[in-house]
Amino acid sequence: QISLLVGFISVNNSPWTNYSAYSYFQIVTMCDLVMILFFYIIHIFRIYRKLTCVSWPLAEFLHYLIGTILLLIASIVAASKSYNLTGLVAGATFGFLATVLCVLSIWSSYKVSCITQSTSK
């Protein structure tokens, strides 16, 4: 997700007023971005077909759920500590945008995995 990367870059290039709030925001955005890329690679190369011991729809759902909750918390903290610095406000805004996009990803992965499985029985 590009919005995670833009939020990370915006916060990284701004003067910080609260080190712990923005380092938490950066850690959450980078971990979430790495995990999203991990799941994209698994789907692109169809690795999930070879590793049948893991329930990939459940793993993806839990990743998006936990990542979305942490990203929402990080965005709220970043927005509350931004003190009207434009880069920090932009980072928090892109964090909220990424949160909305992650919720849409949760819904689409639920819709694809659960609803199509229930109709195919």
PDB file of N, CA and C in Angstrom:
ATOM      1  N   GLN A   1       0.827  -1.170   0.000  1.00  0.00           N
ATOM      2  CA  GLN A   1       0.000   0.000   0.000  1.00  0.00           C
ATOM      3  C   GLN A   1       0.873   1.236   0.000  1.00  0.00           C
ATOM      4  N   ILE A   2       0.615   2.043  -0.961  1.00  0.00           N
ATOM      5  CA  ILE A   2       1.401   3.267  -1.132  1.00  0.00           C
ATOM      6  C   ILE A   2       1.140   4.246   0.013  1.00  0.00           C
ATOM      7  N   SER A   3      -0.068   4.246   0.558  1.00  0.00           N
ATOM      8  CA  SER A   3      -0.384   5.199   1.626  1.00  0.00           C
ATOM      9  C   SER A   3       0.459   4.948   2.877  1.00  0.00           C
ATOM     10  N   LEU A   4       0.803   3.690   3.155  1.00  0.00           N
ATOM     11  CA  LEU A   4       1.691   3.397   4.285  1.00  0.00           C
ATOM     12  C   LEU A   4       3.079   3.975   4.044  1.00  0.00           C
ATOM     13  N   LEU A   5       3.561   3.805   2.828  1.00  0.00           N
ATOM     14  CA  LEU A   5       4.893   4.310   2.498  1.00  0.00           C
ATOM     15  C   LEU A   5       4.929   5.833   2.530  1.00  0.00           C
ATOM     16  N   VAL A   6       3.896   6.482   2.009  1.00  0.00           N
ATOM     17  CA  VAL A   6       3.848   7.946   2.020  1.00  0.00           C
ATOM     18  C   VAL A   6       3.749   8.471   3.456  1.00  0.00           C
ATOM     19  N   GLY A   7       2.947   7.804   4.290  1.00  0.00           N
ATOM     20  CA  GLY A   7       2.852   8.203   5.700  1.00  0.00           C
ATOM     21  C   GLY A   7       4.176   8.053   6.413  1.00  0.00           C
ATOM     22  N   PHE A   8       4.880   6.955   6.146  1.00  0.00           N
ATOM     23  CA  PHE A   8       6.194   6.732   6.759  1.00  0.00           C
ATOM     24  C   PHE A   8       7.178   7.813   6.331  1.00  0.00           C
ATOM     25  N   ILE A   9       7.223   8.112   5.038  1.00  0.00           N
ATOM     26  CA  ILE A   9       8.163   9.122   4.526  1.00  0.00           C
ATOM     27  C   ILE A   9       7.826  10.507   5.070  1.00  0.00           C
ATOM     28  N   SER A  10       6.530  10.822   5.166  1.00  0.00           N
ATOM     29  CA  SER A  10       6.130  12.136   5.695  1.00  0.00           C
ATOM     30  C   SER A  10       6.582  12.322   7.131  1.00  0.00           C
ATOM     31  N   VAL A  11       6.398  11.288   7.946  1.00  0.00           N
ATOM     32  CA  VAL A  11       6.807  11.385   9.349  1.00  0.00           C
ATOM     33  C   VAL A  11       8.319  11.366   9.470  1.00  0.00           C
ATOM     34  N   ASN A  12       8.972  10.577   8.640  1.00  0.00           N
ATOM     35  CA  ASN A  12      10.432  10.467   8.714  1.00  0.00           C
ATOM     36  C   ASN A  12      11.124  11.772   8.359  1.00  0.00           C
ATOM     37  N   ASN A  13      10.563  12.551   7.442  1.00  0.00           N
ATOM     38  CA  ASN A  13      11.197  13.790   6.990  1.00  0.00           C
ATOM     39  C   ASN A  13      10.720  15.036   7.719  1.00  0.00           C
ATOM     40  N   SER A  14       9.963  14.877   8.788  1.00  0.00           N
ATOM     41  CA  SER A  14       9.467  16.016   9.559  1.00  0.00           C
ATOM     42  C   SER A  14      10.219  16.133  10.875  1.00  0.00           C
ATOM     43  N   PRO A  15      10.274  17.347  11.415  1.00  0.00           N
ATOM     44  CA  PRO A  15      10.858  17.482  12.761  1.00  0.00           C
ATOM     45  C   PRO A  15       9.902  16.880  13.784  1.00  0.00           C
ATOM     46  N   TRP A  16      10.430  16.047  14.641  1.00  0.00           N
ATOM     47  CA  TRP A  16       9.600  15.341  15.620  1.00  0.00           C
ATOM     48  C   TRP A  16       9.465  16.155  16.882  1.00  0.00           C
ATOM     49  N   THR A  17       8.263  16.109  17.444  1.00  0.00           N
ATOM     50  CA  THR A  17       8.032  16.758  18.726  1.00  0.00           C
ATOM     51  C   THR A  17       7.907  15.734  19.846  1.00  0.00           C
ATOM     52  N   ASN A  18       7.583  14.499  19.491  1.00  0.00           N
ATOM     53  CA  ASN A  18       7.419  13.439  20.473  1.00  0.00           C
ATOM     54  C   ASN A  18       8.032  12.171  19.880  1.00  0.00           C
ATOM     55  N   TYR A  19       9.211  11.818  20.360  1.00  0.00           N
ATOM     56  CA  TYR A  19       9.966  10.715  19.756  1.00  0.00           C
ATOM     57  C   TYR A  19       9.230   9.385  19.836  1.00  0.00           C
ATOM     58  N   SER A  20       8.649   9.062  20.971  1.00  0.00           N
ATOM     59  CA  SER A  20       8.018   7.747  21.138  1.00  0.00           C
ATOM     60  C   SER A  20       6.787   7.594  20.256  1.00  0.00           C
ATOM     61  N   ALA A  21       5.997   8.654  20.098  1.00  0.00           N
ATOM     62  CA  ALA A  21       4.791   8.563  19.279  1.00  0.00           C
ATOM     63  C   ALA A  21       5.135   8.297  17.818  1.00  0.00           C
ATOM     64  N   TYR A  22       6.128   8.984  17.297  1.00  0.00           N
ATOM     65  CA  TYR A  22       6.440   8.847  15.876  1.00  0.00           C
ATOM     66  C   TYR A  22       7.312   7.647  15.574  1.00  0.00           C
ATOM     67  N   SER A  23       8.117   7.220  16.517  1.00  0.00           N
ATOM     68  CA  SER A  23       8.854   5.973  16.288  1.00  0.00           C
ATOM     69  C   SER A  23       7.880   4.799  16.300  1.00  0.00           C
ATOM     70  N   TYR A  24       6.852   4.852  17.146  1.00  0.00           N
ATOM     71  CA  TYR A  24       5.819   3.817  17.132  1.00  0.00           C
ATOM     72  C   TYR A  24       5.076   3.826  15.794  1.00  0.00           C
ATOM     73  N   PHE A  25       4.743   5.008  15.291  1.00  0.00           N
ATOM     74  CA  PHE A  25       4.062   5.122  14.004  1.00  0.00           C
ATOM     75  C   PHE A  25       4.924   4.537  12.892  1.00  0.00           C
ATOM     76  N   GLN A  26       6.211   4.836  12.901  1.00  0.00           N
ATOM     77  CA  GLN A  26       7.099   4.316  11.871  1.00  0.00           C
ATOM     78  C   GLN A  26       7.238   2.798  11.955  1.00  0.00           C
ATOM     79  N   ILE A  27       7.342   2.272  13.146  1.00  0.00           N
ATOM     80  CA  ILE A  27       7.471   0.818  13.311  1.00  0.00           C
ATOM     81  C   ILE A  27       6.207   0.114  12.818  1.00  0.00           C
ATOM     82  N   VAL A  28       5.052   0.634  13.182  1.00  0.00           N
ATOM     83  CA  VAL A  28       3.794   0.009  12.772  1.00  0.00           C
ATOM     84  C   VAL A  28       3.636   0.074  11.258  1.00  0.00           C
ATOM     85  N   THR A  29       3.917   1.217  10.645  1.00  0.00           N
ATOM     86  CA  THR A  29       3.741   1.327   9.197  1.00  0.00           C
ATOM     87  C   THR A  29       4.710   0.421   8.447  1.00  0.00           C
ATOM     88  N   MET A  30       5.947   0.348   8.882  1.00  0.00           N
ATOM     89  CA  MET A  30       6.898  -0.511   8.174  1.00  0.00           C
ATOM     90  C   MET A  30       6.596  -1.992   8.374  1.00  0.00           C
ATOM     91  N   CYS A  31       6.231  -2.383   9.575  1.00  0.00           N
ATOM     92  CA  CYS A  31       5.876  -3.799   9.809  1.00  0.00           C
ATOM     93  C   CYS A  31       4.641  -4.183   9.012  1.00  0.00           C
ATOM     94  N   ASP A  32       3.666  -3.303   8.972  1.00  0.00           N
ATOM     95  CA  ASP A  32       2.456  -3.581   8.206  1.00  0.00           C
ATOM     96  C   ASP A  32       2.773  -3.667   6.709  1.00  0.00           C
ATOM     97  N   LEU A  33       3.596  -2.782   6.223  1.00  0.00           N
ATOM     98  CA  LEU A  33       3.973  -2.797   4.812  1.00  0.00           C
ATOM     99  C   LEU A  33       4.743  -4.062   4.458  1.00  0.00           C
ATOM    100  N   VAL A  34       5.650  -4.475   5.308  1.00  0.00           N
ATOM    101  CA  VAL A  34       6.421  -5.699   5.058  1.00  0.00           C
ATOM    102  C   VAL A  34       5.511  -6.925   5.048  1.00  0.00           C
ATOM    103  N   MET A  35       4.564  -6.969   5.978  1.00  0.00           N
ATOM    104  CA  MET A  35       3.656  -8.118   6.020  1.00  0.00           C
ATOM    105  C   MET A  35       2.715  -8.141   4.818  1.00  0.00           C
ATOM    106  N   ILE A  36       2.271  -6.990   4.359  1.00  0.00           N
ATOM    107  CA  ILE A  36       1.427  -6.940   3.163  1.00  0.00           C
ATOM    108  C   ILE A  36       2.210  -7.430   1.960  1.00  0.00           C
ATOM    109  N   LEU A  37       3.456  -6.993   1.830  1.00  0.00           N
ATOM    110  CA  LEU A  37       4.298  -7.469   0.724  1.00  0.00           C
ATOM    111  C   LEU A  37       4.554  -8.965   0.830  1.00  0.00           C
ATOM    112  N   PHE A  38       4.700  -9.472   2.053  1.00  0.00           N
ATOM    113  CA  PHE A  38       4.881 -10.905   2.276  1.00  0.00           C
ATOM    114  C   PHE A  38       3.682 -11.693   1.757  1.00  0.00           C
ATOM    115  N   PHE A  39       2.480 -11.236   2.089  1.00  0.00           N
ATOM    116  CA  PHE A  39       1.291 -11.936   1.625  1.00  0.00           C
ATOM    117  C   PHE A  39       1.097 -11.788   0.114  1.00  0.00           C
ATOM    118  N   TYR A  40       1.479 -10.650  -0.455  1.00  0.00           N
ATOM    119  CA  TYR A  40       1.414 -10.501  -1.914  1.00  0.00           C
ATOM    120  C   TYR A  40       2.344 -11.491  -2.603  1.00  0.00           C
ATOM    121  N   ILE A  41       3.538 -11.643  -2.076  1.00  0.00           N
ATOM    122  CA  ILE A  41       4.495 -12.596  -2.657  1.00  0.00           C
ATOM    123  C   ILE A  41       3.968 -14.021  -2.546  1.00  0.00           C
ATOM    124  N   ILE A  42       3.358 -14.350  -1.423  1.00  0.00           N
ATOM    125  CA  ILE A  42       2.770 -15.689  -1.251  1.00  0.00           C
ATOM    126  C   ILE A  42       1.687 -15.936  -2.299  1.00  0.00           C
ATOM    127  N   HIS A  43       0.881 -14.917  -2.568  1.00  0.00           N
ATOM    128  CA  HIS A  43      -0.179 -15.085  -3.563  1.00  0.00           C
ATOM    129  C   HIS A  43       0.355 -15.070  -4.990  1.00  0.00           C
ATOM    130  N   ILE A  44       1.332 -14.248  -5.264  1.00  0.00           N
ATOM    131  CA  ILE A  44       1.873 -14.171  -6.621  1.00  0.00           C
ATOM    132  C   ILE A  44       2.535 -15.476  -7.025  1.00  0.00           C
ATOM    133  N   PHE A  45       3.349 -16.030  -6.152  1.00  0.00           N
ATOM    134  CA  PHE A  45       4.066 -17.264  -6.476  1.00  0.00           C
ATOM    135  C   PHE A  45       3.299 -18.525  -6.060  1.00  0.00           C
ATOM    136  N   ARG A  46       2.079 -18.349  -5.572  1.00  0.00           N
ATOM    137  CA  ARG A  46       1.198 -19.462  -5.175  1.00  0.00           C
ATOM    138  C   ARG A  46       1.862 -20.412  -4.184  1.00  0.00           C
ATOM    139  N   ILE A  47       2.556 -19.841  -3.234  1.00  0.00           N
ATOM    140  CA  ILE A  47       3.233 -20.623  -2.201  1.00  0.00           C
ATOM    141  C   ILE A  47       2.217 -21.274  -1.272  1.00  0.00           C
ATOM    142  N   TYR A  48       1.050 -20.671  -1.151  1.00  0.00           N
ATOM    143  CA  TYR A  48       0.021 -21.218  -0.259  1.00  0.00           C
ATOM    144  C   TYR A  48      -0.428 -22.613  -0.686  1.00  0.00           C
ATOM    145  N   ARG A  49      -0.255 -22.952  -1.933  1.00  0.00           N
ATOM    146  CA  ARG A  49      -0.630 -24.296  -2.388  1.00  0.00           C
ATOM    147  C   ARG A  49       0.342 -25.362  -1.884  1.00  0.00           C
ATOM    148  N   LYS A  50       1.581 -24.985  -1.674  1.00  0.00           N
ATOM    149  CA  LYS A  50       2.597 -25.943  -1.214  1.00  0.00           C
ATOM    150  C   LYS A  50       2.609 -26.076   0.313  1.00  0.00           C
ATOM    151  N   LEU A  51       2.260 -25.031   1.008  1.00  0.00           N
ATOM    152  CA  LEU A  51       2.243 -25.045   2.473  1.00  0.00           C
ATOM    153  C   LEU A  51       0.804 -25.193   2.952  1.00  0.00           C
ATOM    154  N   THR A  52       0.335 -26.408   2.968  1.00  0.00           N
ATOM    155  CA  THR A  52      -1.062 -26.653   3.329  1.00  0.00           C
ATOM    156  C   THR A  52      -1.273 -26.739   4.844  1.00  0.00           C
ATOM    157  N   CYS A  53      -0.191 -26.732   5.609  1.00  0.00           N
ATOM    158  CA  CYS A  53      -0.335 -26.820   7.066  1.00  0.00           C
ATOM    159  C   CYS A  53      -0.815 -25.505   7.677  1.00  0.00           C
ATOM    160  N   VAL A  54      -0.787 -24.421   6.906  1.00  0.00           N
ATOM    161  CA  VAL A  54      -1.204 -23.110   7.397  1.00  0.00           C
ATOM    162  C   VAL A  54      -2.514 -22.734   6.708  1.00  0.00           C
ATOM    163  N   SER A  55      -3.453 -22.260   7.485  1.00  0.00           N
ATOM    164  CA  SER A  55      -4.695 -21.739   6.915  1.00  0.00           C
ATOM    165  C   SER A  55      -4.417 -20.296   6.455  1.00  0.00           C
ATOM    166  N   TRP A  56      -4.134 -20.136   5.168  1.00  0.00           N
ATOM    167  CA  TRP A  56      -3.730 -18.827   4.667  1.00  0.00           C
ATOM    168  C   TRP A  56      -4.844 -17.790   4.735  1.00  0.00           C
ATOM    169  N   PRO A  57      -6.097 -18.139   4.459  1.00  0.00           N
ATOM    170  CA  PRO A  57      -7.131 -17.109   4.633  1.00  0.00           C
ATOM    171  C   PRO A  57      -7.241 -16.616   6.078  1.00  0.00           C
ATOM    172  N   LEU A  58      -7.110 -17.541   7.035  1.00  0.00           N
ATOM    173  CA  LEU A  58      -7.152 -17.136   8.434  1.00  0.00           C
ATOM    174  C   LEU A  58      -5.929 -16.302   8.806  1.00  0.00           C
ATOM    175  N   ALA A  59      -4.761 -16.694   8.330  1.00  0.00           N
ATOM    176  CA  ALA A  59      -3.536 -15.935   8.613  1.00  0.00           C
ATOM    177  C   ALA A  59      -3.616 -14.531   8.021  1.00  0.00           C
ATOM    178  N   GLU A  60      -4.123 -14.422   6.821  1.00  0.00           N
ATOM    179  CA  GLU A  60      -4.251 -13.112   6.184  1.00  0.00           C
ATOM    180  C   GLU A  60      -5.291 -12.257   6.912  1.00  0.00           C
ATOM    181  N   PHE A  61      -6.383 -12.870   7.301  1.00  0.00           N
ATOM    182  CA  PHE A  61      -7.417 -12.144   8.039  1.00  0.00           C
ATOM    183  C   PHE A  61      -6.871 -11.617   9.366  1.00  0.00           C
ATOM    184  N   LEU A  62      -6.163 -12.465  10.107  1.00  0.00           N
ATOM    185  CA  LEU A  62      -5.604 -12.033  11.391  1.00  0.00           C
ATOM    186  C   LEU A  62      -4.543 -10.956  11.208  1.00  0.00           C
ATOM    187  N   HIS A  63      -3.741 -11.085  10.158  1.00  0.00           N
ATOM    188  CA  HIS A  63      -2.734 -10.052   9.886  1.00  0.00           C
ATOM    189  C   HIS A  63      -3.397  -8.707   9.640  1.00  0.00           C
ATOM    190  N   TYR A  64      -4.394  -8.696   8.753  1.00  0.00           N
ATOM    191  CA  TYR A  64      -5.061  -7.432   8.454  1.00  0.00           C
ATOM    192  C   TYR A  64      -5.794  -6.881   9.674  1.00  0.00           C
ATOM    193  N   LEU A  65      -6.400  -7.731  10.457  1.00  0.00           N
ATOM    194  CA  LEU A  65      -7.123  -7.276  11.633  1.00  0.00           C
ATOM    195  C   LEU A  65      -6.181  -6.646  12.659  1.00  0.00           C
ATOM    196  N   ILE A  66      -5.112  -7.351  13.001  1.00  0.00           N
ATOM    197  CA  ILE A  66      -4.154  -6.836  13.989  1.00  0.00           C
ATOM    198  C   ILE A  66      -3.439  -5.605  13.445  1.00  0.00           C
ATOM    199  N   GLY A  67      -3.022  -5.668  12.177  1.00  0.00           N
ATOM    200  CA  GLY A  67      -2.337  -4.526  11.562  1.00  0.00           C
ATOM    201  C   GLY A  67      -3.215  -3.294  11.493  1.00  0.00           C
ATOM    202  N   THR A  68      -4.497  -3.488  11.207  1.00  0.00           N
ATOM    203  CA  THR A  68      -5.418  -2.357  11.129  1.00  0.00           C
ATOM    204  C   THR A  68      -5.634  -1.719  12.492  1.00  0.00           C
ATOM    205  N   ILE A  69      -5.779  -2.536  13.507  1.00  0.00           N
ATOM    206  CA  ILE A  69      -5.968  -1.993  14.857  1.00  0.00           C
ATOM    207  C   ILE A  69      -4.726  -1.224  15.304  1.00  0.00           C
ATOM    208  N   LEU A  70      -3.546  -1.796  15.088  1.00  0.00           N
ATOM    209  CA  LEU A  70      -2.310  -1.102  15.465  1.00  0.00           C
ATOM    210  C   LEU A  70      -2.108   0.172  14.651  1.00  0.00           C
ATOM    211  N   LEU A  71      -2.464   0.130  13.376  1.00  0.00           N
ATOM    212  CA  LEU A  71      -2.323   1.308  12.527  1.00  0.00           C
ATOM    213  C   LEU A  71      -3.298   2.404  12.939  1.00  0.00           C
ATOM    214  N   LEU A  72      -4.495   2.033  13.333  1.00  0.00           N
ATOM    215  CA  LEU A  72      -5.455   3.026  13.808  1.00  0.00           C
ATOM    216  C   LEU A  72      -4.957   3.686  15.092  1.00  0.00           C
ATOM    217  N   ILE A  73      -4.436   2.889  16.011  1.00  0.00           N
ATOM    218  CA  ILE A  73      -3.887   3.442  17.256  1.00  0.00           C
ATOM    219  C   ILE A  73      -2.706   4.366  16.959  1.00  0.00           C
ATOM    220  N   ALA A  74      -1.814   3.921  16.081  1.00  0.00           N
ATOM    221  CA  ALA A  74      -0.641   4.736  15.736  1.00  0.00           C
ATOM    222  C   ALA A  74      -1.049   6.037  15.062  1.00  0.00           C
ATOM    223  N   SER A  75      -2.060   5.994  14.204  1.00  0.00           N
ATOM    224  CA  SER A  75      -2.510   7.213  13.526  1.00  0.00           C
ATOM    225  C   SER A  75      -3.168   8.182  14.495  1.00  0.00           C
ATOM    226  N   ILE A  76      -3.927   7.657  15.437  1.00  0.00           N
ATOM    227  CA  ILE A  76      -4.555   8.528  16.445  1.00  0.00           C
ATOM    228  C   ILE A  76      -3.485   9.200  17.310  1.00  0.00           C
ATOM    229  N   VAL A  77      -2.494   8.422  17.728  1.00  0.00           N
ATOM    230  CA  VAL A  77      -1.413   8.981  18.544  1.00  0.00           C
ATOM    231  C   VAL A  77      -0.620  10.012  17.740  1.00  0.00           C
ATOM    232  N   ALA A  78      -0.324   9.687  16.472  1.00  0.00           N
ATOM    233  CA  ALA A  78       0.430  10.627  15.639  1.00  0.00           C
ATOM    234  C   ALA A  78      -0.359  11.902  15.395  1.00  0.00           C
ATOM    235  N   ALA A  79      -1.658  11.793  15.178  1.00  0.00           N
ATOM    236  CA  ALA A  79      -2.482  12.988  14.954  1.00  0.00           C
ATOM    237  C   ALA A  79      -2.575  13.844  16.209  1.00  0.00           C
ATOM    238  N   SER A  80      -2.639  13.200  17.365  1.00  0.00           N
ATOM    239  CA  SER A  80      -2.754  13.977  18.598  1.00  0.00           C
ATOM    240  C   SER A  80      -1.452  14.656  18.989  1.00  0.00           C
ATOM    241  N   LYS A  81      -0.322  14.138  18.519  1.00  0.00           N
ATOM    242  CA  LYS A  81       0.980  14.717  18.864  1.00  0.00           C
ATOM    243  C   LYS A  81       1.602  15.516  17.721  1.00  0.00           C
ATOM    244  N   SER A  82       0.824  15.846  16.683  1.00  0.00           N
ATOM    245  CA  SER A  82       1.401  16.491  15.502  1.00  0.00           C
ATOM    246  C   SER A  82       1.687  17.978  15.696  1.00  0.00           C
ATOM    247  N   TYR A  83       0.950  18.654  16.561  1.00  0.00           N
ATOM    248  CA  TYR A  83       1.151  20.084  16.848  1.00  0.00           C
ATOM    249  C   TYR A  83       1.167  20.936  15.581  1.00  0.00           C
ATOM    250  N   ASN A  84       0.290  20.604  14.628  1.00  0.00           N
ATOM    251  CA  ASN A  84       0.103  21.343  13.371  1.00  0.00           C
ATOM    252  C   ASN A  84       1.352  21.422  12.499  1.00  0.00           C
ATOM    253  N   LEU A  85       2.286  20.500  12.661  1.00  0.00           N
ATOM    254  CA  LEU A  85       3.412  20.415  11.732  1.00  0.00           C
ATOM    255  C   LEU A  85       2.938  19.644  10.501  1.00  0.00           C
ATOM    256  N   THR A  86       3.091  20.235   9.327  1.00  0.00           N
ATOM    257  CA  THR A  86       2.439  19.706   8.126  1.00  0.00           C
ATOM    258  C   THR A  86       2.867  18.285   7.784  1.00  0.00           C
ATOM    259  N   GLY A  87       4.124  17.957   7.953  1.00  0.00           N
ATOM    260  CA  GLY A  87       4.584  16.606   7.633  1.00  0.00           C
ATOM    261  C   GLY A  87       3.988  15.568   8.564  1.00  0.00           C
ATOM    262  N   LEU A  88       3.861  15.921   9.827  1.00  0.00           N
ATOM    263  CA  LEU A  88       3.293  14.995  10.797  1.00  0.00           C
ATOM    264  C   LEU A  88       1.789  14.839  10.599  1.00  0.00           C
ATOM    265  N   VAL A  89       1.115  15.931  10.253  1.00  0.00           N
ATOM    266  CA  VAL A  89      -0.312  15.850   9.959  1.00  0.00           C
ATOM    267  C   VAL A  89      -0.535  15.004   8.710  1.00  0.00           C
ATOM    268  N   ALA A  90       0.311  15.183   7.705  1.00  0.00           N
ATOM    269  CA  ALA A  90       0.192  14.390   6.479  1.00  0.00           C
ATOM    270  C   ALA A  90       0.446  12.909   6.766  1.00  0.00           C
ATOM    271  N   GLY A  91       1.431  12.616   7.599  1.00  0.00           N
ATOM    272  CA  GLY A  91       1.696  11.230   7.961  1.00  0.00           C
ATOM    273  C   GLY A  91       0.522  10.587   8.671  1.00  0.00           C
ATOM    274  N   ALA A  92      -0.076  11.312   9.604  1.00  0.00           N
ATOM    275  CA  ALA A  92      -1.251  10.793  10.324  1.00  0.00           C
ATOM    276  C   ALA A  92      -2.434  10.628   9.372  1.00  0.00           C
ATOM    277  N   THR A  93      -2.596  11.564   8.438  1.00  0.00           N
ATOM    278  CA  THR A  93      -3.691  11.463   7.467  1.00  0.00           C
ATOM    279  C   THR A  93      -3.524  10.240   6.583  1.00  0.00           C
ATOM    280  N   PHE A  94      -2.324  10.005   6.098  1.00  0.00           N
ATOM    281  CA  PHE A  94      -2.088   8.812   5.291  1.00  0.00           C
ATOM    282  C   PHE A  94      -2.188   7.541   6.131  1.00  0.00           C
ATOM    283  N   GLY A  95      -1.915   7.641   7.415  1.00  0.00           N
ATOM    284  CA  GLY A  95      -2.134   6.508   8.303  1.00  0.00           C
ATOM    285  C   GLY A  95      -3.611   6.165   8.418  1.00  0.00           C
ATOM    286  N   PHE A  96      -4.456   7.198   8.533  1.00  0.00           N
ATOM    287  CA  PHE A  96      -5.898   6.965   8.567  1.00  0.00           C
ATOM    288  C   PHE A  96      -6.401   6.414   7.232  1.00  0.00           C
ATOM    289  N   LEU A  97      -5.862   6.924   6.137  1.00  0.00           N
ATOM    290  CA  LEU A  97      -6.234   6.405   4.820  1.00  0.00           C
ATOM    291  C   LEU A  97      -5.843   4.936   4.679  1.00  0.00           C
ATOM    292  N   ALA A  98      -4.654   4.586   5.156  1.00  0.00           N
ATOM    293  CA  ALA A  98      -4.220   3.191   5.116  1.00  0.00           C
ATOM    294  C   ALA A  98      -5.088   2.315   6.007  1.00  0.00           C
ATOM    295  N   THR A  99      -5.568   2.864   7.114  1.00  0.00           N
ATOM    296  CA  THR A  99      -6.472   2.119   7.987  1.00  0.00           C
ATOM    297  C   THR A  99      -7.770   1.786   7.261  1.00  0.00           C
ATOM    298  N   VAL A 100      -8.319   2.755   6.563  1.00  0.00           N
ATOM    299  CA  VAL A 100      -9.545   2.523   5.796  1.00  0.00           C
ATOM    300  C   VAL A 100      -9.303   1.478   4.708  1.00  0.00           C
ATOM    301  N   LEU A 101      -8.170   1.566   4.035  1.00  0.00           N
ATOM    302  CA  LEU A 101      -7.852   0.594   2.987  1.00  0.00           C
ATOM    303  C   LEU A 101      -7.642  -0.802   3.557  1.00  0.00           C
ATOM    304  N   CYS A 102      -7.077  -0.890   4.742  1.00  0.00           N
ATOM    305  CA  CYS A 102      -6.918  -2.202   5.395  1.00  0.00           C
ATOM    306  C   CYS A 102      -8.268  -2.789   5.790  1.00  0.00           C
ATOM    307  N   VAL A 103      -9.197  -1.944   6.220  1.00  0.00           N
ATOM    308  CA  VAL A 103     -10.548  -2.436   6.531  1.00  0.00           C
ATOM    309  C   VAL A 103     -11.201  -2.981   5.266  1.00  0.00           C
ATOM    310  N   LEU A 104     -11.012  -2.290   4.151  1.00  0.00           N
ATOM    311  CA  LEU A 104     -11.541  -2.791   2.884  1.00  0.00           C
ATOM    312  C   LEU A 104     -10.879  -4.104   2.486  1.00  0.00           C
ATOM    313  N   SER A 105      -9.608  -4.252   2.777  1.00  0.00           N
ATOM    314  CA  SER A 105      -8.914  -5.512   2.495  1.00  0.00           C
ATOM    315  C   SER A 105      -9.440  -6.638   3.371  1.00  0.00           C
ATOM    316  N   ILE A 106      -9.731  -6.331   4.623  1.00  0.00           N
ATOM    317  CA  ILE A 106     -10.326  -7.337   5.515  1.00  0.00           C
ATOM    318  C   ILE A 106     -11.668  -7.792   4.941  1.00  0.00           C
ATOM    319  N   TRP A 107     -12.477  -6.838   4.535  1.00  0.00           N
ATOM    320  CA  TRP A 107     -13.789  -7.179   4.016  1.00  0.00           C
ATOM    321  C   TRP A 107     -13.681  -7.996   2.729  1.00  0.00           C
ATOM    322  N   SER A 108     -12.781  -7.599   1.843  1.00  0.00           N
ATOM    323  CA  SER A 108     -12.663  -8.339   0.580  1.00  0.00           C
ATOM    324  C   SER A 108     -12.078  -9.728   0.791  1.00  0.00           C
ATOM    325  N   SER A 109     -11.136  -9.882   1.699  1.00  0.00           N
ATOM    326  CA  SER A 109     -10.592 -11.216   1.940  1.00  0.00           C
ATOM    327  C   SER A 109     -11.621 -12.101   2.625  1.00  0.00           C
ATOM    328  N   TYR A 110     -12.448 -11.531   3.495  1.00  0.00           N
ATOM    329  CA  TYR A 110     -13.533 -12.296   4.109  1.00  0.00           C
ATOM    330  C   TYR A 110     -14.548 -12.712   3.050  1.00  0.00           C
ATOM    331  N   LYS A 111     -14.889 -11.771   2.192  1.00  0.00           N
ATOM    332  CA  LYS A 111     -15.886 -12.028   1.162  1.00  0.00           C
ATOM    333  C   LYS A 111     -15.414 -13.111   0.196  1.00  0.00           C
ATOM    334  N   VAL A 112     -14.157 -13.050  -0.204  1.00  0.00           N
ATOM    335  CA  VAL A 112     -13.619 -14.032  -1.143  1.00  0.00           C
ATOM    336  C   VAL A 112     -13.469 -15.392  -0.502  1.00  0.00           C
ATOM    337  N   SER A 113     -12.912 -15.456   0.696  1.00  0.00           N
ATOM    338  CA  SER A 113     -12.613 -16.763   1.294  1.00  0.00           C
ATOM    339  C   SER A 113     -13.824 -17.419   1.938  1.00  0.00           C
ATOM    340  N   CYS A 114     -14.604 -16.691   2.688  1.00  0.00           N
ATOM    341  CA  CYS A 114     -15.696 -17.307   3.449  1.00  0.00           C
ATOM    342  C   CYS A 114     -16.964 -17.449   2.642  1.00  0.00           C
ATOM    343  N   ILE A 115     -17.349 -16.431   1.905  1.00  0.00           N
ATOM    344  CA  ILE A 115     -18.616 -16.496   1.188  1.00  0.00           C
ATOM    345  C   ILE A 115     -18.523 -17.446  -0.007  1.00  0.00           C
ATOM    346  N   THR A 116     -17.402 -17.437  -0.712  1.00  0.00           N
ATOM    347  CA  THR A 116     -17.275 -18.353  -1.853  1.00  0.00           C
ATOM    348  C   THR A 116     -17.154 -19.806  -1.390  1.00  0.00           C
ATOM    349  N   GLN A 117     -16.559 -20.045  -0.231  1.00  0.00           N
ATOM    350  CA  GLN A 117     -16.481 -21.404   0.282  1.00  0.00           C
ATOM    351  C   GLN A 117     -17.843 -21.904   0.730  1.00  0.00           C
ATOM    352  N   SER A 118     -18.661 -21.036   1.301  1.00  0.00           N
ATOM    353  CA  SER A 118     -19.965 -21.469   1.773  1.00  0.00           C
ATOM    354  C   SER A 118     -20.924 -21.721   0.615  1.00  0.00           C
ATOM    355  N   THR A 119     -20.758 -21.019  -0.489  1.00  0.00           N
ATOM    356  CA  THR A 119     -21.638 -21.242  -1.637  1.00  0.00           C
ATOM    357  C   THR A 119     -21.200 -22.433  -2.479  1.00  0.00           C
ATOM    358  N   SER A 120     -19.946 -22.846  -2.346  1.00  0.00           N
ATOM    359  CA  SER A 120     -19.473 -23.956  -3.164  1.00  0.00           C
ATOM    360  C   SER A 120     -19.802 -25.318  -2.553  1.00  0.00           C
ATOM    361  N   LYS A 121     -20.291 -25.363  -1.327  1.00  0.00           N
ATOM    362  CA  LYS A 121     -20.610 -26.641  -0.674  1.00  0.00           C
ATOM    363  C   LYS A 121     -21.902 -27.223  -1.141  1.00  0.00           C
TER     364      LYS A 121
END
